[in-house]
C-alpha cells in the first residue's frame, strides 16, 4: 500500500483558504478536497488546486492517525495555523509561531 501524502487544496490562491488533504495522488486530493473547498465560496465555477507539500513531515501529526495507518484518504478542514499570520503549511515552534513571524518580531 502506498503511503498517503499531504496536499494543500484550495479553490484559488491558498492564502484565501485551503484545507489539508492526505491522499495517494494529486488527482485524489483534488477530488476529496473539492467538497470542502466548494462549500466555502459562492462562485458558480470552482477550479480546485492541489499542491504536494514537500518536506513537511510535521503535517502528519495533524492527520487522523487511524486513517493514515490504514491508507484511507481524508481531509483536515482547519489545519493548525500560526498564531501570528494565521497561515499553515510551515512548521510551528512550541509557542505556535512560524519562522517568518518570529523574524518579524
Protein backbone atom coordinates (compact mmCIF):
# COMPACT_ATOMS: atom_id res chain seq x y z
CA UNK A 1 0.00 0.00 0.00
CA UNK A 2 1.32 3.43 -0.94
CA UNK A 3 1.77 5.98 1.81
CA UNK A 4 -0.63 8.92 1.91
CA UNK A 5 0.96 12.26 1.04
CA UNK A 6 -0.02 15.73 2.32
CA UNK A 7 -1.57 18.20 -0.14
CA UNK A 8 -2.75 21.79 0.22
CA UNK A 9 -6.09 22.05 -1.60
CA UNK A 10 -7.68 25.41 -2.44
CA UNK A 11 -10.09 26.99 -4.90
CA UNK A 12 -7.87 29.88 -5.94
CA UNK A 13 -4.96 31.24 -4.01
CA UNK A 14 -4.16 29.19 -0.89
CA UNK A 15 -3.79 32.30 1.28
CA UNK A 16 -7.55 32.85 0.84
CA UNK A 17 -8.26 29.45 2.36
CA UNK A 18 -7.01 25.91 1.95
CA UNK A 19 -7.56 22.53 3.53
CA UNK A 20 -5.04 19.81 4.25
CA UNK A 21 -5.69 16.56 2.39
CA UNK A 22 -3.90 13.26 2.86
CA UNK A 23 -4.18 11.30 -0.39
CA UNK A 24 -2.27 8.92 -2.65
CA UNK A 25 -2.21 11.23 -5.69
CA UNK A 26 -2.85 14.86 -6.59
CA UNK A 27 -5.96 13.82 -8.53
CA UNK A 28 -7.34 12.05 -5.47
CA UNK A 29 -6.51 15.06 -3.28
CA UNK A 30 -8.46 17.40 -5.57
CA UNK A 31 -11.44 15.07 -5.64
CA UNK A 32 -11.55 14.69 -1.86
CA UNK A 33 -10.84 18.36 -1.14
CA UNK A 34 -13.45 19.65 -3.60
CA UNK A 35 -16.38 19.03 -1.25
CA UNK A 36 -14.78 21.18 1.45
CA UNK A 37 -13.42 23.93 -0.77
CA UNK A 38 -16.64 24.26 -2.78
CA UNK A 39 -18.63 24.90 0.40
CA UNK A 40 -16.55 27.99 1.23
CA UNK A 41 -17.39 30.12 -1.79
CA UNK A 42 -20.39 31.18 -3.76
CA UNK A 43 -18.84 31.23 -7.23
CA UNK A 44 -20.60 29.30 -9.95
CA UNK A 45 -17.25 27.86 -11.13
CA UNK A 46 -14.55 26.47 -8.87
CA UNK A 47 -11.14 25.39 -10.05
CA UNK A 48 -9.67 23.21 -7.35
CA UNK A 49 -5.90 23.32 -6.97
CA UNK A 50 -3.77 20.83 -5.08
CA UNK A 51 -0.12 21.25 -4.15
CA UNK A 52 2.03 18.46 -2.77
CA UNK A 53 3.59 19.63 0.49
CA UNK A 54 7.25 18.58 0.19
CA UNK A 55 9.48 18.41 3.26
CA UNK A 56 6.51 18.59 5.59
CA UNK A 57 6.68 15.56 7.84
CA UNK A 58 5.27 17.72 10.66
CA UNK A 59 1.88 17.79 8.88
CA UNK A 60 1.44 14.07 9.53
CA UNK A 61 0.85 14.97 13.20
CA UNK A 62 -2.46 16.56 12.14
CA UNK A 63 -3.65 13.52 10.18
CA UNK A 64 -6.32 11.20 11.50
CA UNK A 65 -3.85 8.56 12.63
CA UNK A 66 -6.18 5.59 12.15
CA UNK A 67 -6.89 6.65 8.55
CA UNK A 68 -3.20 7.28 7.96
CA UNK A 69 -2.26 3.80 9.17
CA UNK A 70 -4.97 2.17 7.04
CA UNK A 71 -4.17 4.29 3.96
CA UNK A 72 -7.60 5.95 3.93
CA UNK A 73 -7.51 9.39 2.25
CA UNK A 74 -9.02 12.19 4.34
CA UNK A 75 -9.35 15.95 4.80
CA UNK A 76 -8.36 18.22 7.66
CA UNK A 77 -10.61 21.21 7.02
CA UNK A 78 -8.96 23.52 9.54
CA UNK A 79 -5.28 22.69 10.00
CA UNK A 80 -3.41 24.23 12.91
CA UNK A 81 -2.30 27.73 11.92
CA UNK A 82 0.39 30.14 13.06
CA UNK A 83 -0.76 32.40 15.90
CA UNK A 84 0.77 35.39 14.12
CA UNK A 85 -0.07 35.20 10.41
CA UNK A 86 -2.80 32.52 10.67
CA UNK A 87 -1.28 30.54 7.78
CA UNK A 88 -0.44 26.86 7.86
CA UNK A 89 1.94 24.67 5.89
CA UNK A 90 5.09 25.61 7.72
CA UNK A 91 6.50 24.16 10.91
CA UNK A 92 5.44 26.00 14.07
CA UNK A 93 7.54 26.43 17.20
CA UNK A 94 6.37 25.39 20.67
CA UNK A 95 4.56 28.71 21.12
CA UNK A 96 2.66 28.24 17.82
CA UNK A 97 4.54 30.70 15.56
CA UNK A 98 6.17 30.14 12.17
CA UNK A 99 9.73 31.23 11.36
CA UNK A 100 8.51 34.19 9.29
CA UNK A 101 6.55 35.63 12.21
CA UNK A 102 9.46 35.06 14.57
CA UNK A 103 11.78 37.00 12.22
CA UNK A 104 9.32 39.90 12.05
CA UNK A 105 9.07 40.17 15.85
